[in-house]
N, C-alpha and C. Protein backbone atom coordinates (compact mmCIF):
# COMPACT_ATOMS: atom_id res chain seq x y z
N MET A 1 -18.57 -9.87 6.05
CA MET A 1 -17.32 -9.87 5.33
C MET A 1 -16.84 -11.32 5.22
N ASP A 2 -16.45 -11.71 4.01
CA ASP A 2 -15.97 -13.07 3.83
C ASP A 2 -14.51 -13.21 4.26
N GLY A 3 -14.02 -14.43 4.28
CA GLY A 3 -12.67 -14.70 4.76
C GLY A 3 -11.59 -13.99 3.97
N ARG A 4 -11.76 -13.93 2.66
CA ARG A 4 -10.76 -13.26 1.81
C ARG A 4 -10.64 -11.80 2.17
N GLN A 5 -11.76 -11.14 2.35
CA GLN A 5 -11.74 -9.72 2.71
C GLN A 5 -11.12 -9.49 4.08
N THR A 6 -11.40 -10.39 5.02
CA THR A 6 -10.81 -10.28 6.36
C THR A 6 -9.29 -10.37 6.27
N ILE A 7 -8.80 -11.33 5.50
CA ILE A 7 -7.35 -11.49 5.34
C ILE A 7 -6.75 -10.26 4.66
N LEU A 8 -7.42 -9.74 3.64
CA LEU A 8 -6.92 -8.54 2.96
C LEU A 8 -6.88 -7.34 3.90
N GLN A 9 -7.92 -7.20 4.73
CA GLN A 9 -7.94 -6.08 5.67
C GLN A 9 -6.78 -6.18 6.67
N MET A 10 -6.46 -7.39 7.09
CA MET A 10 -5.33 -7.58 7.99
C MET A 10 -4.02 -7.24 7.29
N LYS A 11 -3.91 -7.61 6.02
CA LYS A 11 -2.71 -7.30 5.24
C LYS A 11 -2.60 -5.79 5.07
N TYR A 12 -3.71 -5.12 4.76
CA TYR A 12 -3.69 -3.66 4.59
C TYR A 12 -3.22 -2.98 5.87
N ALA A 13 -3.66 -3.47 7.01
CA ALA A 13 -3.25 -2.88 8.29
C ALA A 13 -1.74 -3.01 8.47
N ARG A 14 -1.18 -4.16 8.13
CA ARG A 14 0.27 -4.35 8.23
C ARG A 14 1.01 -3.45 7.25
N LEU A 15 0.47 -3.32 6.04
CA LEU A 15 1.11 -2.46 5.04
C LEU A 15 1.10 -1.00 5.48
N ILE A 16 -0.02 -0.56 5.99
CA ILE A 16 -0.13 0.83 6.45
C ILE A 16 0.84 1.09 7.59
N ASP A 17 0.94 0.15 8.51
CA ASP A 17 1.89 0.30 9.61
C ASP A 17 3.33 0.37 9.08
N GLY A 18 3.66 -0.49 8.13
CA GLY A 18 5.00 -0.49 7.54
C GLY A 18 5.29 0.78 6.77
N ILE A 19 4.31 1.28 6.03
CA ILE A 19 4.47 2.53 5.29
C ILE A 19 4.70 3.68 6.25
N SER A 20 3.94 3.69 7.33
CA SER A 20 4.08 4.73 8.34
C SER A 20 5.50 4.76 8.90
N ARG A 21 6.02 3.58 9.21
CA ARG A 21 7.38 3.50 9.77
C ARG A 21 8.43 3.87 8.72
N GLN A 22 8.29 3.34 7.51
CA GLN A 22 9.31 3.57 6.48
C GLN A 22 9.34 5.02 6.02
N GLN A 23 8.17 5.65 5.93
CA GLN A 23 8.09 7.03 5.45
C GLN A 23 8.14 8.04 6.59
N ASN A 24 8.14 7.54 7.82
CA ASN A 24 8.16 8.39 9.01
C ASN A 24 7.00 9.39 9.01
N ILE A 25 5.80 8.84 8.79
CA ILE A 25 4.58 9.64 8.79
C ILE A 25 3.59 8.97 9.73
N SER A 26 2.53 9.68 10.06
CA SER A 26 1.51 9.11 10.95
C SER A 26 0.78 7.96 10.25
N ARG A 27 0.16 7.12 11.05
CA ARG A 27 -0.62 6.02 10.46
C ARG A 27 -1.80 6.57 9.66
N GLU A 28 -2.36 7.67 10.12
CA GLU A 28 -3.49 8.26 9.40
C GLU A 28 -3.05 8.74 8.02
N GLU A 29 -1.89 9.38 7.93
CA GLU A 29 -1.37 9.84 6.64
C GLU A 29 -1.03 8.65 5.76
N ALA A 30 -0.42 7.63 6.35
CA ALA A 30 -0.08 6.42 5.59
C ALA A 30 -1.34 5.75 5.05
N MET A 31 -2.39 5.71 5.87
CA MET A 31 -3.65 5.11 5.44
C MET A 31 -4.24 5.88 4.27
N ASP A 32 -4.24 7.19 4.37
CA ASP A 32 -4.79 8.02 3.30
C ASP A 32 -4.01 7.81 2.01
N ARG A 33 -2.69 7.83 2.10
CA ARG A 33 -1.86 7.64 0.91
C ARG A 33 -2.06 6.24 0.32
N PHE A 34 -2.10 5.23 1.18
CA PHE A 34 -2.24 3.85 0.70
C PHE A 34 -3.56 3.65 -0.01
N TYR A 35 -4.66 4.07 0.61
CA TYR A 35 -5.97 3.83 0.01
C TYR A 35 -6.22 4.67 -1.24
N HIS A 36 -5.37 5.64 -1.52
CA HIS A 36 -5.47 6.43 -2.75
C HIS A 36 -4.35 6.09 -3.72
N SER A 37 -3.72 4.95 -3.54
CA SER A 37 -2.58 4.58 -4.39
C SER A 37 -2.98 3.58 -5.47
N ASP A 38 -2.17 3.54 -6.51
CA ASP A 38 -2.35 2.54 -7.55
C ASP A 38 -2.04 1.15 -6.99
N THR A 39 -1.09 1.09 -6.07
CA THR A 39 -0.73 -0.18 -5.45
C THR A 39 -1.96 -0.81 -4.79
N PHE A 40 -2.71 -0.02 -4.02
CA PHE A 40 -3.93 -0.53 -3.38
C PHE A 40 -4.93 -0.99 -4.44
N GLN A 41 -5.12 -0.20 -5.47
CA GLN A 41 -6.09 -0.56 -6.51
C GLN A 41 -5.72 -1.87 -7.18
N MET A 42 -4.43 -2.08 -7.43
CA MET A 42 -4.00 -3.32 -8.07
C MET A 42 -4.17 -4.52 -7.14
N ILE A 43 -3.88 -4.35 -5.86
CA ILE A 43 -4.09 -5.45 -4.90
C ILE A 43 -5.58 -5.78 -4.84
N GLN A 44 -6.40 -4.76 -4.70
CA GLN A 44 -7.85 -4.92 -4.57
C GLN A 44 -8.44 -5.59 -5.81
N SER A 45 -7.88 -5.28 -6.98
CA SER A 45 -8.39 -5.84 -8.23
C SER A 45 -7.88 -7.24 -8.50
N GLY A 46 -6.91 -7.68 -7.72
CA GLY A 46 -6.37 -9.02 -7.91
C GLY A 46 -5.35 -9.11 -9.03
N ILE A 47 -4.80 -7.98 -9.45
CA ILE A 47 -3.84 -7.96 -10.54
C ILE A 47 -2.56 -8.66 -10.09
N ALA A 48 -2.10 -9.61 -10.90
CA ALA A 48 -0.84 -10.33 -10.71
C ALA A 48 -0.73 -10.96 -9.33
N ASP A 49 -1.84 -11.26 -8.72
CA ASP A 49 -1.83 -11.88 -7.38
C ASP A 49 -0.93 -11.13 -6.41
N LEU A 50 -0.97 -9.81 -6.46
CA LEU A 50 -0.14 -9.00 -5.58
C LEU A 50 -0.41 -9.28 -4.11
N HIS A 51 -1.63 -9.67 -3.78
CA HIS A 51 -1.95 -9.96 -2.38
C HIS A 51 -1.12 -11.11 -1.83
N CYS A 52 -0.52 -11.91 -2.72
CA CYS A 52 0.33 -13.03 -2.30
C CYS A 52 1.77 -12.59 -2.03
N ARG A 53 2.11 -11.38 -2.44
CA ARG A 53 3.48 -10.89 -2.23
C ARG A 53 3.69 -10.54 -0.76
N SER A 54 4.97 -10.50 -0.39
CA SER A 54 5.28 -10.19 1.01
C SER A 54 4.93 -8.74 1.33
N ASP A 55 4.73 -8.47 2.61
CA ASP A 55 4.44 -7.10 3.05
C ASP A 55 5.58 -6.18 2.66
N LYS A 56 6.82 -6.62 2.85
CA LYS A 56 7.99 -5.79 2.53
C LYS A 56 8.00 -5.43 1.05
N TYR A 57 7.74 -6.40 0.19
CA TYR A 57 7.70 -6.16 -1.24
C TYR A 57 6.66 -5.08 -1.58
N LEU A 58 5.46 -5.23 -1.02
CA LEU A 58 4.38 -4.30 -1.33
C LEU A 58 4.65 -2.91 -0.76
N ILE A 59 5.26 -2.84 0.41
CA ILE A 59 5.63 -1.54 0.99
C ILE A 59 6.66 -0.86 0.10
N ASP A 60 7.64 -1.62 -0.37
CA ASP A 60 8.65 -1.06 -1.27
C ASP A 60 8.01 -0.58 -2.58
N GLU A 61 7.08 -1.36 -3.11
CA GLU A 61 6.39 -0.95 -4.34
C GLU A 61 5.60 0.34 -4.12
N PHE A 62 4.91 0.41 -2.99
CA PHE A 62 4.17 1.62 -2.67
C PHE A 62 5.11 2.82 -2.59
N CYS A 63 6.24 2.66 -1.92
CA CYS A 63 7.20 3.76 -1.75
C CYS A 63 7.75 4.21 -3.10
N LEU A 64 8.01 3.26 -4.00
CA LEU A 64 8.45 3.62 -5.35
C LEU A 64 7.36 4.42 -6.07
N GLU A 65 6.13 3.94 -5.97
CA GLU A 65 5.02 4.65 -6.59
C GLU A 65 4.92 6.08 -6.06
N TRP A 66 5.01 6.22 -4.73
CA TRP A 66 4.89 7.54 -4.11
C TRP A 66 6.03 8.45 -4.55
N LYS A 67 7.23 7.88 -4.66
CA LYS A 67 8.41 8.65 -5.10
C LYS A 67 8.20 9.16 -6.52
N TYR A 68 7.72 8.28 -7.41
CA TYR A 68 7.48 8.69 -8.80
C TYR A 68 6.35 9.70 -8.91
N ARG A 69 5.35 9.58 -8.07
CA ARG A 69 4.27 10.59 -8.06
C ARG A 69 4.82 11.96 -7.70
N ALA A 70 5.69 11.99 -6.69
CA ALA A 70 6.29 13.26 -6.26
C ALA A 70 7.15 13.85 -7.37
N LEU A 71 7.87 13.01 -8.10
CA LEU A 71 8.69 13.49 -9.21
C LEU A 71 7.83 14.06 -10.33
N ASP A 72 6.71 13.38 -10.62
CA ASP A 72 5.81 13.86 -11.66
C ASP A 72 5.25 15.23 -11.36
N LYS A 73 5.02 15.52 -10.08
CA LYS A 73 4.46 16.81 -9.68
C LYS A 73 5.47 17.94 -9.83
N THR A 74 6.76 17.59 -9.80
CA THR A 74 7.77 18.64 -9.90
C THR A 74 8.13 18.95 -11.35
N ILE A 75 7.70 18.12 -12.26
CA ILE A 75 8.04 18.34 -13.68
C ILE A 75 7.01 19.22 -14.34
């Protein structure tokens, strides 16, 4: 694994921990949701240099995405 991937993996771990705390869910559930999110795909793809954004910003973006997904399912 190269240095960039190592740094991203460390960032993902922090994001998953933050999502777990903010959503009051287990880390396993947070990990599953995160790795199946559009937010993860955009970070992984390098879109808009999201990996440079703060952990708080990305956690908030993920939570917004998850909220909108839940709304879409109810419509």
